Amino acid sequence: MRKQRETVPLLTSVCTGSLVYAAAGLLRGRPATTHWLSPDLLAELDPTIDVRRDERFVDDGDIVTSAGVSAGIDMALHLLARLVSPERAREVREHIQYAPEPPVRAPATVHQVQTRVHNLRTRVPNLRTRRRGAQPPACPQFSYACSHLSYACSHLSYACSQLACPAP
């Protein structure tokens, strides 16, 4: 990641992809967000990160992070507006029929989210290590972050492929 960072003008992450950036030291002293189940882990990986728990995406110029999959779509549309034009972002939004109106509402407050996270972790305390019979890794935070990198990248690739816009 650090080598890639030297050659690209803009890095983006979706969901827990920001954990990989944090583990690589790319978010040191910067604002960032991640999936709502992982902000504590993001802060643990690098305490200098200004973790934005309530933001769907954080644009810090050359690094943009998003919270979850649908937040990744918001981020992609934001970047399209930033790099091409707001009009093009509106066209793409209409083309992919992205009009968020969730049939089920998520928790409204940080406290409700934290309670949900606590309840989830209490019910399934060893979820990370039980997958596919895996053994507990030597560095669980980094291993967990890496295991989600391909998941996050696939969602970002899909969102970007739906944009079908010319390069700026």
Protein backbone atom coordinates (compact mmCIF):
# COMPACT_ATOMS: atom_id res chain seq x y z
CA MET A 1 0.00 0.00 0.00
CA ARG A 2 2.77 2.43 0.87
CA LYS A 3 4.45 1.83 -2.51
CA GLN A 4 1.11 2.27 -4.31
CA ARG A 5 0.56 5.51 -2.38
CA GLU A 6 3.73 6.97 -3.89
CA THR A 7 2.42 6.52 -7.44
CA VAL A 8 -1.26 7.43 -7.31
CA PRO A 9 -2.81 10.87 -6.81
CA LEU A 10 -5.95 9.63 -5.04
CA LEU A 11 -6.60 6.70 -2.70
CA THR A 12 -10.11 5.64 -1.79
CA SER A 13 -11.44 2.96 0.53
CA VAL A 14 -14.84 1.45 1.09
CA CYS A 15 -16.02 -0.13 4.33
CA THR A 16 -13.12 -1.67 6.27
CA GLY A 17 -10.56 -0.84 3.58
CA SER A 18 -9.51 2.09 5.78
CA LEU A 19 -8.19 -0.48 8.28
CA VAL A 20 -5.61 -1.56 5.69
CA TYR A 21 -4.63 2.06 5.10
CA ALA A 22 -4.30 2.57 8.86
CA ALA A 23 -2.17 -0.56 9.26
CA ALA A 24 0.10 0.77 6.48
CA GLY A 25 0.42 4.13 8.26
CA LEU A 26 -1.32 6.05 5.48
CA LEU A 27 -3.93 7.67 7.74
CA ARG A 28 -1.54 8.97 10.41
CA GLY A 29 -2.90 12.28 11.72
CA ARG A 30 -5.72 12.36 9.19
CA PRO A 31 -9.52 12.15 9.43
CA ALA A 32 -11.08 8.88 8.25
CA THR A 33 -14.12 6.66 8.62
CA THR A 34 -14.86 2.95 8.38
CA HIS A 35 -17.70 0.46 8.71
CA TRP A 36 -19.81 1.16 11.81
CA LEU A 37 -18.57 -2.05 13.49
CA SER A 38 -14.91 -1.05 13.15
CA PRO A 39 -14.21 2.51 14.37
CA ASP A 40 -12.61 1.28 17.59
CA LEU A 41 -10.34 -1.01 15.60
CA LEU A 42 -9.40 1.88 13.30
CA ALA A 43 -8.46 3.99 16.34
CA GLU A 44 -6.56 1.03 17.81
CA LEU A 45 -4.49 0.56 14.66
CA ASP A 46 -3.38 4.20 14.75
CA PRO A 47 -4.43 6.47 17.64
CA THR A 48 -3.46 9.59 15.64
CA ILE A 49 -6.37 9.06 13.23
CA ASP A 50 -9.29 11.44 13.67
CA VAL A 51 -11.98 8.74 13.48
CA ARG A 52 -15.21 10.20 12.10
CA ARG A 53 -17.76 7.68 13.40
CA ASP A 54 -20.84 9.49 12.13
CA GLU A 55 -19.73 10.43 8.62
CA ARG A 56 -20.61 8.32 5.59
CA PHE A 57 -17.42 9.37 3.81
CA VAL A 58 -14.47 11.60 4.62
CA ASP A 59 -12.70 13.51 1.86
CA ASP A 60 -9.24 14.56 2.99
CA GLY A 61 -8.02 15.62 -0.42
CA ASP A 62 -5.81 12.81 -1.65
CA ILE A 63 -7.34 10.11 0.58
CA VAL A 64 -11.09 9.50 0.75
CA THR A 65 -12.61 6.86 3.04
CA SER A 66 -16.20 5.67 3.24
CA ALA A 67 -18.14 3.91 5.96
CA GLY A 68 -19.96 1.04 4.28
CA VAL A 69 -21.10 -0.27 0.93
CA SER A 70 -23.86 2.27 0.30
CA ALA A 71 -21.60 4.99 1.71
CA GLY A 72 -19.11 3.89 -0.95
CA ILE A 73 -21.67 4.77 -3.58
CA ASP A 74 -22.12 8.17 -1.92
CA MET A 75 -18.34 8.60 -1.97
CA ALA A 76 -18.11 7.58 -5.64
CA LEU A 77 -20.81 10.10 -6.60
CA HIS A 78 -19.04 12.78 -4.52
CA LEU A 79 -15.77 12.05 -6.33
CA LEU A 80 -17.51 12.14 -9.68
CA ALA A 81 -18.89 15.57 -8.80
CA ARG A 82 -15.48 16.70 -7.57
CA LEU A 83 -13.45 15.34 -10.48
CA VAL A 84 -15.89 15.72 -13.39
CA SER A 85 -19.00 17.77 -12.52
CA PRO A 86 -22.05 17.79 -10.25
CA GLU A 87 -24.22 17.40 -13.37
CA ARG A 88 -22.42 14.20 -14.35
CA ALA A 89 -22.80 12.86 -10.79
CA ARG A 90 -26.57 13.52 -10.97
CA GLU A 91 -26.79 11.74 -14.32
CA VAL A 92 -24.96 8.69 -12.99
CA ARG A 93 -27.09 8.66 -9.84
CA GLU A 94 -30.21 8.56 -11.97
CA HIS A 95 -28.72 5.94 -14.31
CA ILE A 96 -27.95 3.52 -11.46
CA GLN A 97 -31.32 4.31 -9.84
CA TYR A 98 -29.64 5.31 -6.58
CA ALA A 99 -32.26 6.98 -4.43
CA PRO A 100 -31.66 5.85 -0.86
CA GLU A 101 -34.95 5.30 0.90
CA PRO A 102 -34.22 2.39 3.23
CA PRO A 103 -37.26 0.31 4.22
CA VAL A 104 -35.66 -0.33 7.62
CA ARG A 105 -34.02 2.46 9.56
CA ALA A 106 -30.57 2.04 11.11
CA PRO A 107 -29.86 3.19 14.68
CA ALA A 108 -30.08 6.96 14.92
CA THR A 109 -27.45 7.71 17.55
CA VAL A 110 -23.86 6.74 18.23
CA HIS A 111 -24.98 5.26 21.58
CA GLN A 112 -27.49 3.00 19.81
CA VAL A 113 -24.80 1.86 17.39
CA GLN A 114 -22.35 1.20 20.24
CA THR A 115 -25.02 -0.82 22.08
CA ARG A 116 -25.65 -2.85 18.94
CA VAL A 117 -21.93 -3.49 18.46
CA HIS A 118 -21.57 -4.57 22.09
CA ASN A 119 -24.55 -6.93 21.78
CA LEU A 120 -23.22 -8.39 18.53
CA ARG A 121 -19.76 -8.97 19.98
CA THR A 122 -21.25 -10.56 23.09
CA ARG A 123 -23.31 -12.99 20.99
CA VAL A 124 -20.49 -13.88 18.60
CA PRO A 125 -17.20 -13.17 20.42
CA ASN A 126 -14.90 -15.25 18.21
CA LEU A 127 -16.46 -14.56 14.81
CA ARG A 128 -13.18 -13.50 13.21
CA THR A 129 -11.23 -16.61 14.19
CA ARG A 130 -14.04 -19.12 13.63
CA ARG A 131 -14.43 -18.40 9.92
CA ARG A 132 -13.46 -21.35 7.77
CA GLY A 133 -11.79 -23.04 10.75
CA ALA A 134 -9.04 -20.42 10.84
CA GLN A 135 -6.54 -20.29 13.67
CA PRO A 136 -6.25 -17.01 15.59
CA PRO A 137 -3.75 -14.87 13.66
CA ALA A 138 -0.60 -13.45 15.24
CA CYS A 139 -1.88 -9.92 14.64
CA PRO A 140 -5.68 -10.13 14.60
CA GLN A 141 -6.28 -6.46 13.71
CA PHE A 142 -4.08 -6.52 10.62
CA SER A 143 -5.30 -9.96 9.56
CA TYR A 144 -8.92 -8.85 9.93
CA ALA A 145 -8.24 -5.69 7.92
CA CYS A 146 -6.59 -7.67 5.13
CA SER A 147 -9.39 -10.21 5.00
CA HIS A 148 -11.80 -7.38 4.22
CA LEU A 149 -9.60 -5.66 1.64
CA SER A 150 -10.78 -7.79 -1.27
CA TYR A 151 -14.41 -7.40 -0.13
CA ALA A 152 -14.06 -3.61 0.05
CA CYS A 153 -12.20 -3.44 -3.27
CA SER A 154 -14.81 -5.52 -5.06
CA HIS A 155 -17.55 -3.16 -3.90
CA LEU A 156 -15.59 -0.08 -4.94
CA SER A 157 -14.81 -1.61 -8.32
CA TYR A 158 -18.48 -2.40 -8.84
CA ALA A 159 -19.57 1.12 -7.86
CA CYS A 160 -16.97 2.65 -10.17
CA SER A 161 -17.92 0.37 -13.04
CA GLN A 162 -21.48 1.59 -12.67
CA LEU A 163 -20.31 5.17 -13.06
CA ALA A 164 -19.05 4.52 -16.59
CA CYS A 165 -17.61 7.98 -16.90
CA PRO A 166 -14.65 9.25 -18.89
CA ALA A 167 -11.41 9.84 -17.03
CA PRO A 168 -10.97 13.47 -15.93
